[in-house]
C-alpha atoms as a PDB file:
ATOM      1  CA  MET A   1      87.098  87.185 127.374  1.00  0.00           C
ATOM      2  CA  HIS A   2      90.121  88.487 129.063  1.00  0.00           C
ATOM      3  CA  GLY A   3      91.757  92.056 130.014  1.00  0.00           C
ATOM      4  CA  LYS A   4      90.029  95.052 128.750  1.00  0.00           C
ATOM      5  CA  THR A   5      88.438  93.433 125.629  1.00  0.00           C
ATOM      6  CA  LYS A   6      85.245  92.665 127.503  1.00  0.00           C
ATOM      7  CA  TYR A   7      85.014  96.370 128.396  1.00  0.00           C
ATOM      8  CA  TYR A   8      85.208  97.417 124.817  1.00  0.00           C
ATOM      9  CA  PHE A   9      82.489  94.893 123.946  1.00  0.00           C
ATOM     10  CA  GLU A  10      80.329  96.527 126.658  1.00  0.00           C
ATOM     11  CA  SER A  11      80.882  99.963 125.135  1.00  0.00           C
ATOM     12  CA  LEU A  12      79.443  98.682 121.819  1.00  0.00           C
ATOM     13  CA  ARG A  13      76.168  97.986 123.603  1.00  0.00           C
ATOM     14  CA  LEU A  14      75.634  94.834 121.429  1.00  0.00           C
ATOM     15  CA  GLU A  15      72.812  93.750 123.617  1.00  0.00           C
ATOM     16  CA  ARG A  16      70.653  96.453 121.719  1.00  0.00           C
ATOM     17  CA  TRP A  17      70.894  94.432 118.686  1.00  0.00           C
ATOM     18  CA  PRO A  18      66.945  93.935 118.742  1.00  0.00           C
ATOM     19  CA  ARG A  19      66.546  97.621 117.711  1.00  0.00           C
ATOM     20  CA  SER A  20      68.123  96.808 114.265  1.00  0.00           C
ATOM     21  CA  LEU A  21      65.374  94.331 113.651  1.00  0.00           C
ATOM     22  CA  ALA A  22      63.244  97.298 112.690  1.00  0.00           C
ATOM     23  CA  ILE A  23      64.527  96.687 109.332  1.00  0.00           C
ATOM     24  CA  ILE A  24      62.077  93.610 109.129  1.00  0.00           C
ATOM     25  CA  PRO A  25      58.839  95.664 109.054  1.00  0.00           C
ATOM     26  CA  GLY A  26      60.403  97.699 106.128  1.00  0.00           C
ATOM     27  CA  PHE A  27      61.238  94.536 104.348  1.00  0.00           C
ATOM     28  CA  VAL A  28      57.789  92.932 104.876  1.00  0.00           C
ATOM     29  CA  ALA A  29      55.896  96.086 103.983  1.00  0.00           C
ATOM     30  CA  ALA A  30      57.830  96.369 100.673  1.00  0.00           C
ATOM     31  CA  ALA A  31      57.277  92.728  99.978  1.00  0.00           C
ATOM     32  CA  VAL A  32      53.470  93.154 100.618  1.00  0.00           C
ATOM     33  CA  MET A  33      53.311  96.341  98.545  1.00  0.00           C
ATOM     34  CA  GLU A  34      55.566  95.363  95.807  1.00  0.00           C
ATOM     35  CA  PRO A  35      55.235  91.498  95.595  1.00  0.00           C
ATOM     36  CA  SER A  36      56.411  91.329  92.003  1.00  0.00           C
ATOM     37  CA  LEU A  37      59.714  92.793  92.956  1.00  0.00           C
ATOM     38  CA  LEU A  38      60.115  90.115  95.730  1.00  0.00           C
ATOM     39  CA  THR A  39      59.540  87.268  93.335  1.00  0.00           C
ATOM     40  CA  SER A  40      61.746  88.652  90.514  1.00  0.00           C
ATOM     41  CA  ARG A  41      64.747  86.931  92.295  1.00  0.00           C
ATOM     42  CA  PRO A  42      65.208  83.701  94.282  1.00  0.00           C
ATOM     43  CA  PHE A  43      63.467  83.940  97.634  1.00  0.00           C
ATOM     44  CA  HIS A  44      66.731  82.727  99.427  1.00  0.00           C
ATOM     45  CA  ILE A  45      68.660  85.706  97.929  1.00  0.00           C
ATOM     46  CA  SER A  46      66.237  88.201  99.386  1.00  0.00           C
ATOM     47  CA  ILE A  47      66.681  86.462 102.703  1.00  0.00           C
ATOM     48  CA  LEU A  48      70.380  86.602 102.486  1.00  0.00           C
ATOM     49  CA  LEU A  49      70.137  90.277 101.637  1.00  0.00           C
ATOM     50  CA  LEU A  50      67.957  90.897 104.634  1.00  0.00           C
ATOM     51  CA  VAL A  51      70.514  89.254 106.969  1.00  0.00           C
ATOM     52  CA  LEU A  52      73.267  91.340 105.445  1.00  0.00           C
ATOM     53  CA  SER A  53      71.212  94.484 105.702  1.00  0.00           C
ATOM     54  CA  PHE A  54      70.700  93.597 109.396  1.00  0.00           C
ATOM     55  CA  PHE A  55      74.364  93.223 109.876  1.00  0.00           C
ATOM     56  CA  LEU A  56      75.307  96.532 108.057  1.00  0.00           C
ATOM     57  CA  THR A  57      72.552  98.559 109.974  1.00  0.00           C
ATOM     58  CA  LEU A  58      73.769  97.024 113.168  1.00  0.00           C
ATOM     59  CA  LEU A  59      77.235  98.298 112.391  1.00  0.00           C
ATOM     60  CA  ILE A  60      76.103 101.783 111.860  1.00  0.00           C
ATOM     61  CA  SER A  61      73.859 101.582 115.087  1.00  0.00           C
ATOM     62  CA  THR A  62      76.741 100.342 117.033  1.00  0.00           C
ATOM     63  CA  SER A  63      79.234 103.040 115.652  1.00  0.00           C
ATOM     64  CA  ASN A  64      76.430 105.583 116.889  1.00  0.00           C
ATOM     65  CA  TYR A  65      76.474 104.008 120.402  1.00  0.00           C
ATOM     66  CA  ILE A  66      80.286 104.502 120.247  1.00  0.00           C
ATOM     67  CA  ILE A  67      79.976 108.154 119.538  1.00  0.00           C
ATOM     68  CA  ASN A  68      77.262 108.248 122.438  1.00  0.00           C
ATOM     69  CA  GLU A  69      79.630 106.623 124.827  1.00  0.00           C
ATOM     70  CA  ILE A  70      82.402 109.106 124.294  1.00  0.00           C
ATOM     71  CA  ALA A  71      80.128 112.135 124.053  1.00  0.00           C
ATOM     72  CA  ASP A  72      78.002 111.291 127.260  1.00  0.00           C
ATOM     73  CA  ALA A  73      80.932 110.113 129.490  1.00  0.00           C
ATOM     74  CA  PRO A  74      80.964 113.283 131.463  1.00  0.00           C
ATOM     75  CA  SER A  75      77.188 113.293 132.045  1.00  0.00           C
ATOM     76  CA  ASP A  76      76.971 109.525 132.490  1.00  0.00           C
ATOM     77  CA  ALA A  77      78.892 110.017 135.648  1.00  0.00           C
ATOM     78  CA  HIS A  78      75.866 111.449 137.169  1.00  0.00           C
ATOM     79  CA  HIS A  79      73.673 108.559 136.362  1.00  0.00           C
ATOM     80  CA  PRO A  80      73.205 105.865 139.204  1.00  0.00           C
ATOM     81  CA  ALA A  81      73.763 102.934 136.701  1.00  0.00           C
ATOM     82  CA  LYS A  82      75.745 104.505 133.771  1.00  0.00           C
ATOM     83  CA  LYS A  83      78.473 105.826 136.081  1.00  0.00           C
ATOM     84  CA  ASP A  84      80.068 102.467 136.279  1.00  0.00           C
ATOM     85  CA  ARG A  85      80.452 102.382 132.310  1.00  0.00           C
ATOM     86  CA  PRO A  86      84.021 101.371 131.450  1.00  0.00           C
ATOM     87  CA  LEU A  87      84.836 104.733 129.674  1.00  0.00           C
ATOM     88  CA  VAL A  88      83.405 106.743 132.453  1.00  0.00           C
ATOM     89  CA  LYS A  89      85.797 104.912 134.893  1.00  0.00           C
ATOM     90  CA  LYS A  90      88.645 105.467 132.400  1.00  0.00           C
ATOM     91  CA  ILE A  91      89.096 101.566 132.024  1.00  0.00           C
ATOM     92  CA  ILE A  92      89.344 101.892 128.282  1.00  0.00           C
ATOM     93  CA  SER A  93      90.578 104.381 125.719  1.00  0.00           C
ATOM     94  CA  ALA A  94      88.332 106.587 123.797  1.00  0.00           C
ATOM     95  CA  LYS A  95      90.980 106.660 120.985  1.00  0.00           C
ATOM     96  CA  ILE A  96      90.571 102.945 120.416  1.00  0.00           C
ATOM     97  CA  LEU A  97      86.836 103.358 120.317  1.00  0.00           C
ATOM     98  CA  MET A  98      87.156 105.800 117.631  1.00  0.00           C
ATOM     99  CA  VAL A  99      89.245 103.300 115.577  1.00  0.00           C
ATOM    100  CA  LEU A 100      86.610 100.845 116.142  1.00  0.00           C
ATOM    101  CA  TRP A 101      83.939 103.448 114.941  1.00  0.00           C
ATOM    102  CA  LEU A 102      86.010 104.107 111.685  1.00  0.00           C
ATOM    103  CA  ILE A 103      86.377 100.444 110.986  1.00  0.00           C
ATOM    104  CA  MET A 104      82.550  99.634 111.417  1.00  0.00           C
ATOM    105  CA  VAL A 105      81.491 102.552 109.129  1.00  0.00           C
ATOM    106  CA  ILE A 106      83.959 101.750 106.341  1.00  0.00           C
ATOM    107  CA  ILE A 107      82.570  98.132 106.438  1.00  0.00           C
ATOM    108  CA  ALA A 108      78.977  99.271 106.437  1.00  0.00           C
ATOM    109  CA  PHE A 109      79.303 101.545 103.569  1.00  0.00           C
ATOM    110  CA  ALA A 110      81.504  99.167 101.514  1.00  0.00           C
ATOM    111  CA  GLY A 111      78.849  96.553 101.966  1.00  0.00           C
ATOM    112  CA  GLY A 112      75.871  98.909 101.180  1.00  0.00           C
ATOM    113  CA  LYS A 113      77.699 100.092  98.019  1.00  0.00           C
ATOM    114  CA  ILE A 114      78.556  96.403  96.822  1.00  0.00           C
ATOM    115  CA  PHE A 115      75.200  94.738  97.512  1.00  0.00           C
ATOM    116  CA  PHE A 116      72.459  97.324  97.607  1.00  0.00           C
ATOM    117  CA  ASN A 117      71.035 100.186  95.690  1.00  0.00           C
ATOM    118  CA  ASP A 118      72.006 103.831  96.256  1.00  0.00           C
ATOM    119  CA  ASN A 119      68.863 104.618  98.401  1.00  0.00           C
ATOM    120  CA  PHE A 120      69.986 101.833 100.827  1.00  0.00           C
ATOM    121  CA  LEU A 121      73.232 103.666 100.944  1.00  0.00           C
ATOM    122  CA  LEU A 122      71.625 106.940 101.713  1.00  0.00           C
ATOM    123  CA  SER A 123      69.565 105.418 104.494  1.00  0.00           C
ATOM    124  CA  LEU A 124      72.684 104.125 106.165  1.00  0.00           C
ATOM    125  CA  ALA A 125      74.212 107.621 105.866  1.00  0.00           C
ATOM    126  CA  ALA A 126      71.087 108.948 107.372  1.00  0.00           C
ATOM    127  CA  LEU A 127      71.334 106.801 110.404  1.00  0.00           C
ATOM    128  CA  LEU A 128      74.863 107.765 110.825  1.00  0.00           C
ATOM    129  CA  LEU A 129      74.237 111.388 110.605  1.00  0.00           C
ATOM    130  CA  ALA A 130      71.203 111.279 113.024  1.00  0.00           C
ATOM    131  CA  GLY A 131      73.617 109.774 115.614  1.00  0.00           C
ATOM    132  CA  LEU A 132      76.179 112.512 114.952  1.00  0.00           C
ATOM    133  CA  LEU A 133      73.560 115.303 115.314  1.00  0.00           C
ATOM    134  CA  TYR A 134      72.148 113.698 118.342  1.00  0.00           C
ATOM    135  CA  ASN A 135      75.460 113.388 120.246  1.00  0.00           C
ATOM    136  CA  ILE A 136      78.068 115.873 119.135  1.00  0.00           C
ATOM    137  CA  PRO A 137      78.199 119.619 120.044  1.00  0.00           C
ATOM    138  CA  PRO A 138      77.549 122.196 118.855  1.00  0.00           C
ATOM    139  CA  VAL A 139      74.163 120.937 117.609  1.00  0.00           C
ATOM    140  CA  ARG A 140      73.823 118.019 120.112  1.00  0.00           C
ATOM    141  CA  VAL A 141      70.067 117.736 119.830  1.00  0.00           C
ATOM    142  CA  LYS A 142      70.213 115.362 122.971  1.00  0.00           C
ATOM    143  CA  ASP A 143      70.206 118.615 124.960  1.00  0.00           C
ATOM    144  CA  ILE A 144      67.131 120.254 123.357  1.00  0.00           C
ATOM    145  CA  PRO A 145      63.597 119.359 124.837  1.00  0.00           C
ATOM    146  CA  PHE A 146      61.246 117.393 122.687  1.00  0.00           C
ATOM    147  CA  LEU A 147      63.697 117.527 119.628  1.00  0.00           C
ATOM    148  CA  ASP A 148      65.902 115.102 121.534  1.00  0.00           C
ATOM    149  CA  SER A 149      63.392 112.201 121.376  1.00  0.00           C
ATOM    150  CA  THR A 150      62.032 113.143 117.916  1.00  0.00           C
ATOM    151  CA  LEU A 151      65.539 112.965 116.521  1.00  0.00           C
ATOM    152  CA  GLU A 152      66.481 109.739 118.357  1.00  0.00           C
ATOM    153  CA  SER A 153      63.300 108.209 117.241  1.00  0.00           C
ATOM    154  CA  ALA A 154      64.179 109.042 113.625  1.00  0.00           C
ATOM    155  CA  ASN A 155      66.332 105.884 113.722  1.00  0.00           C
ATOM    156  CA  ASN A 156      63.079 104.046 113.608  1.00  0.00           C
ATOM    157  CA  PRO A 157      61.851 105.075 110.083  1.00  0.00           C
ATOM    158  CA  ILE A 158      65.493 104.971 108.815  1.00  0.00           C
ATOM    159  CA  ARG A 159      66.006 101.574 109.788  1.00  0.00           C
ATOM    160  CA  PHE A 160      62.521 100.686 108.317  1.00  0.00           C
ATOM    161  CA  LEU A 161      63.896 102.176 105.083  1.00  0.00           C
ATOM    162  CA  THR A 162      66.976 100.013 105.037  1.00  0.00           C
ATOM    163  CA  GLY A 163      64.723  96.994 105.097  1.00  0.00           C
ATOM    164  CA  TRP A 164      62.355  98.596 102.498  1.00  0.00           C
ATOM    165  CA  PHE A 165      65.223  99.307 100.096  1.00  0.00           C
ATOM    166  CA  ILE A 166      66.218  95.592  99.873  1.00  0.00           C
ATOM    167  CA  ILE A 167      63.110  94.935  97.742  1.00  0.00           C
ATOM    168  CA  THR A 168      62.741  98.424  95.923  1.00  0.00           C
ATOM    169  CA  SER A 169      64.530 101.666  95.275  1.00  0.00           C
ATOM    170  CA  THR A 170      61.280 103.805  95.362  1.00  0.00           C
ATOM    171  CA  PHE A 171      60.061 105.378  98.534  1.00  0.00           C
ATOM    172  CA  PRO A 172      57.209 104.193 100.724  1.00  0.00           C
ATOM    173  CA  PRO A 173      54.279 106.313 101.370  1.00  0.00           C
ATOM    174  CA  ALA A 174      54.899 109.336 103.858  1.00  0.00           C
ATOM    175  CA  SER A 175      52.014 108.175 106.109  1.00  0.00           C
ATOM    176  CA  LEU A 176      53.566 104.894 106.725  1.00  0.00           C
ATOM    177  CA  LEU A 177      56.976 106.408 107.607  1.00  0.00           C
ATOM    178  CA  ILE A 178      55.490 109.058 109.963  1.00  0.00           C
ATOM    179  CA  SER A 179      53.447 106.454 111.633  1.00  0.00           C
ATOM    180  CA  TRP A 180      56.524 104.482 112.238  1.00  0.00           C
ATOM    181  CA  TRP A 181      58.390 107.513 113.530  1.00  0.00           C
ATOM    182  CA  SER A 182      55.734 108.655 115.866  1.00  0.00           C
ATOM    183  CA  PHE A 183      55.462 105.181 117.480  1.00  0.00           C
ATOM    184  CA  GLY A 184      59.203 105.279 118.007  1.00  0.00           C
ATOM    185  CA  ASN A 185      59.018 108.764 119.505  1.00  0.00           C
ATOM    186  CA  PHE A 186      56.164 107.395 121.864  1.00  0.00           C
ATOM    187  CA  LEU A 187      58.727 104.905 123.132  1.00  0.00           C
ATOM    188  CA  MET A 188      61.427 107.451 123.433  1.00  0.00           C
ATOM    189  CA  VAL A 189      59.321 109.792 125.420  1.00  0.00           C
ATOM    190  CA  GLY A 190      58.247 106.963 127.646  1.00  0.00           C
ATOM    191  CA  LYS A 191      61.957 106.633 128.383  1.00  0.00           C
ATOM    192  CA  ARG A 192      62.215 110.286 129.365  1.00  0.00           C
ATOM    193  CA  VAL A 193      59.182 109.879 131.677  1.00  0.00           C
ATOM    194  CA  ALA A 194      61.097 107.036 133.380  1.00  0.00           C
ATOM    195  CA  GLU A 195      64.294 109.004 133.815  1.00  0.00           C
ATOM    196  CA  LYS A 196      62.481 112.284 134.991  1.00  0.00           C
ATOM    197  CA  LYS A 197      60.410 110.130 137.548  1.00  0.00           C
ATOM    198  CA  PHE A 198      63.081 107.733 138.900  1.00  0.00           C
ATOM    199  CA  LEU A 199      66.224 110.099 139.010  1.00  0.00           C
ATOM    200  CA  SER A 200      66.705 112.750 141.389  1.00  0.00           C
ATOM    201  CA  PRO A 201      66.622 116.353 139.988  1.00  0.00           C
ATOM    202  CA  GLU A 202      70.504 116.526 140.419  1.00  0.00           C
ATOM    203  CA  GLU A 203      70.972 113.101 138.536  1.00  0.00           C
ATOM    204  CA  SER A 204      68.455 113.844 135.864  1.00  0.00           C
ATOM    205  CA  ALA A 205      69.888 117.485 135.268  1.00  0.00           C
ATOM    206  CA  GLY A 206      73.614 116.095 135.189  1.00  0.00           C
ATOM    207  CA  TYR A 207      72.783 113.121 133.188  1.00  0.00           C
ATOM    208  CA  ARG A 208      70.563 114.641 130.431  1.00  0.00           C
ATOM    209  CA  LEU A 209      70.294 118.392 130.059  1.00  0.00           C
ATOM    210  CA  SER A 210      67.170 118.430 128.373  1.00  0.00           C
ATOM    211  CA  LEU A 211      65.323 116.705 131.586  1.00  0.00           C
ATOM    212  CA  LYS A 212      65.855 120.033 133.344  1.00  0.00           C
ATOM    213  CA  LYS A 213      63.188 121.693 131.112  1.00  0.00           C
ATOM    214  CA  TYR A 214      60.737 118.823 131.140  1.00  0.00           C
ATOM    215  CA  SER A 215      58.055 118.001 133.534  1.00  0.00           C
ATOM    216  CA  ILE A 216      56.230 114.613 134.004  1.00  0.00           C
ATOM    217  CA  LYS A 217      52.877 116.223 132.692  1.00  0.00           C
ATOM    218  CA  SER A 218      54.508 117.763 129.591  1.00  0.00           C
ATOM    219  CA  LEU A 219      56.218 114.288 128.790  1.00  0.00           C
ATOM    220  CA  ILE A 220      53.010 112.451 129.235  1.00  0.00           C
ATOM    221  CA  ALA A 221      51.122 114.931 126.985  1.00  0.00           C
ATOM    222  CA  PHE A 222      53.871 114.551 124.272  1.00  0.00           C
ATOM    223  CA  MET A 223      53.486 110.648 124.631  1.00  0.00           C
ATOM    224  CA  ILE A 224      49.669 111.249 123.965  1.00  0.00           C
ATOM    225  CA  LEU A 225      50.319 113.447 121.033  1.00  0.00           C
ATOM    226  CA  ASN A 226      52.638 111.088 119.456  1.00  0.00           C
ATOM    227  CA  SER A 227      50.057 108.228 119.989  1.00  0.00           C
ATOM    228  CA  ILE A 228      47.466 110.239 118.205  1.00  0.00           C
ATOM    229  CA  ILE A 229      49.805 111.121 115.352  1.00  0.00           C
ATOM    230  CA  PHE A 230      50.581 107.425 115.110  1.00  0.00           C
ATOM    231  CA  ILE A 231      46.893 106.347 114.939  1.00  0.00           C
ATOM    232  CA  LEU A 232      45.949 109.064 112.363  1.00  0.00           C
ATOM    233  CA  THR A 233      48.837 108.364 110.031  1.00  0.00           C
ATOM    234  CA  PHE A 234      48.530 104.554 110.390  1.00  0.00           C
ATOM    235  CA  SER A 235      44.840 104.762 109.553  1.00  0.00           C
ATOM    236  CA  LEU A 236      45.591 107.179 106.539  1.00  0.00           C
ATOM    237  CA  PHE A 237      48.117 104.455 105.300  1.00  0.00           C
ATOM    238  CA  ALA A 238      45.664 101.697 105.550  1.00  0.00           C
ATOM    239  CA  VAL A 239      43.179 103.879 103.501  1.00  0.00           C
ATOM    240  CA  GLU A 240      45.667 104.979 100.962  1.00  0.00           C
ATOM    241  CA  ALA A 241      47.031 101.261 100.644  1.00  0.00           C
ATOM    242  CA  GLU A 242      43.251 100.131 100.389  1.00  0.00           C
ATOM    243  CA  MET A 243      44.028  97.753 103.257  1.00  0.00           C
ATOM    244  CA  TYR A 244      40.917  98.711 105.265  1.00  0.00           C
ATOM    245  CA  THR A 245      40.985  95.575 107.586  1.00  0.00           C
ATOM    246  CA  LEU A 246      44.190  96.992 109.179  1.00  0.00           C
ATOM    247  CA  LEU A 247      41.913  99.402 110.823  1.00  0.00           C
ATOM    248  CA  ILE A 248      40.560  96.614 112.895  1.00  0.00           C
ATOM    249  CA  SER A 249      44.003  96.439 114.699  1.00  0.00           C
ATOM    250  CA  ILE A 250      43.661  99.929 116.012  1.00  0.00           C
ATOM    251  CA  PRO A 251      41.828  99.087 119.465  1.00  0.00           C
ATOM    252  CA  PHE A 252      44.506  96.557 120.111  1.00  0.00           C
ATOM    253  CA  ILE A 253      47.319  98.955 119.325  1.00  0.00           C
ATOM    254  CA  LEU A 254      45.890 101.482 121.644  1.00  0.00           C
ATOM    255  CA  PHE A 255      45.770  98.969 124.375  1.00  0.00           C
ATOM    256  CA  TYR A 256      49.483  98.114 123.634  1.00  0.00           C
ATOM    257  CA  LEU A 257      50.314 101.876 123.779  1.00  0.00           C
ATOM    258  CA  GLY A 258      48.326 102.065 127.124  1.00  0.00           C
ATOM    259  CA  MET A 259      50.410  99.220 128.634  1.00  0.00           C
ATOM    260  CA  PHE A 260      53.667 100.817 127.723  1.00  0.00           C
ATOM    261  CA  MET A 261      52.544 104.321 129.217  1.00  0.00           C
ATOM    262  CA  LYS A 262      51.658 102.496 132.293  1.00  0.00           C
ATOM    263  CA  LYS A 263      55.031 100.820 132.317  1.00  0.00           C
ATOM    264  CA  SER A 264      56.992 104.255 131.782  1.00  0.00           C
ATOM    265  CA  VAL A 265      55.614 105.724 135.148  1.00  0.00           C
ATOM    266  CA  GLN A 266      56.039 102.511 137.288  1.00  0.00           C
ATOM    267  CA  ASP A 267      59.333 100.928 136.091  1.00  0.00           C
ATOM    268  CA  ILE A 268      62.524 102.639 134.967  1.00  0.00           C
ATOM    269  CA  ASP A 269      64.022  99.452 133.525  1.00  0.00           C
ATOM    270  CA  GLY A 270      61.288  98.572 131.150  1.00  0.00           C
ATOM    271  CA  ALA A 271      60.910 102.092 129.796  1.00  0.00           C
ATOM    272  CA  GLU A 272      64.674 102.868 129.506  1.00  0.00           C
ATOM    273  CA  GLU A 273      65.100  99.762 127.478  1.00  0.00           C
ATOM    274  CA  PRO A 274      61.851  99.059 125.594  1.00  0.00           C
ATOM    275  CA  GLU A 275      63.330  95.739 124.200  1.00  0.00           C
ATOM    276  CA  LYS A 276      63.535  94.445 127.833  1.00  0.00           C
ATOM    277  CA  LEU A 277      59.581  94.488 127.764  1.00  0.00           C
ATOM    278  CA  LEU A 278      59.776  91.374 125.533  1.00  0.00           C
ATOM    279  CA  LYS A 279      61.175  89.525 128.379  1.00  0.00           C
ATOM    280  CA  ASP A 280      57.952  90.020 130.093  1.00  0.00           C
ATOM    281  CA  PRO A 281      55.772  87.069 129.076  1.00  0.00           C
ATOM    282  CA  TYR A 282      52.603  89.320 129.005  1.00  0.00           C
ATOM    283  CA  PHE A 283      54.195  91.857 126.652  1.00  0.00           C
ATOM    284  CA  ALA A 284      55.797  89.128 124.529  1.00  0.00           C
ATOM    285  CA  PHE A 285      52.473  87.464 124.266  1.00  0.00           C
ATOM    286  CA  TYR A 286      50.688  90.405 123.220  1.00  0.00           C
ATOM    287  CA  THR A 287      53.333  91.556 120.764  1.00  0.00           C
ATOM    288  CA  VAL A 288      52.885  88.146 118.956  1.00  0.00           C
ATOM    289  CA  PHE A 289      49.115  88.598 119.096  1.00  0.00           C
ATOM    290  CA  LEU A 290      49.367  91.857 117.407  1.00  0.00           C
ATOM    291  CA  ILE A 291      51.566  90.405 114.666  1.00  0.00           C
ATOM    292  CA  ILE A 292      48.912  87.911 114.060  1.00  0.00           C
ATOM    293  CA  ILE A 293      46.119  90.530 113.882  1.00  0.00           C
ATOM    294  CA  PHE A 294      48.219  92.434 111.285  1.00  0.00           C
ATOM    295  CA  ALA A 295      48.853  89.157 109.252  1.00  0.00           C
ATOM    296  CA  LEU A 296      45.049  88.308 109.471  1.00  0.00           C
ATOM    297  CA  ALA A 297      44.232  91.862 108.432  1.00  0.00           C
ATOM    298  CA  TYR A 298      46.409  91.639 105.282  1.00  0.00           C
ATOM    299  CA  LEU A 299      45.255  88.022 104.259  1.00  0.00           C
ATOM    300  CA  PHE A 300      41.627  89.188 104.436  1.00  0.00           C
ATOM    301  CA  LYS A 301      41.913  92.696 102.962  1.00  0.00           C
END
């Protein structure tokens, strides 16, 4: 890759593609709860739609990263690592990034309109809107303590819905969405803990305005609150769906949350980019172990 092209690719943050895999739990949950709808069409068609859904969701997520890149360029100059981003150093053009943003948004919505139902299209719109509200003044929720992580983590249930709406146009139980949301918020607050702990007061205040009003104790308390909300709503979903065996997984989930909380106060890289945790063999193994627990809980419900 030559010239400035590689720098534009860096600004798209395509290395964060694993976050769009959050559509898969939505797809699996809908297939489990509405199996007749999954079998109403050839299985390979559903898989093709899942792949297409991932691509369209990734386009919207990437377009949000472009907006974030442009809106955060002044504050990124205060971050020890992000100050070297191409846009901060004025190696690339914000105007060209906005053209790329428009192209990706048009392709995503056109694909959603052609291949999926209206609720899928609405979920893409919600994902885009969340990105705009998070990054752009005068709202810029990113600068409001506690609301910043809460809105950012809303991407989690929204992506879940894009996977869900591949199977059905009806909405999932509220308890399932809230549990998925609070789990994402737990991760996002862990990211704030790492930033608050490992950045100097000047760096943190310049990089993320909301960090000025946080303390480590308040952030950890918010992490604990989100973990409690997650466990309660996940348990409620298990009861509502009559999948009581899912309750067996709760101790294992709590251990997983504890591992991440410990990581957030010890390692800025793992907490700032949660997907990097999967490069740790221990975390990767335990993630697979949890998936197996969920699968067994469903099979023996």
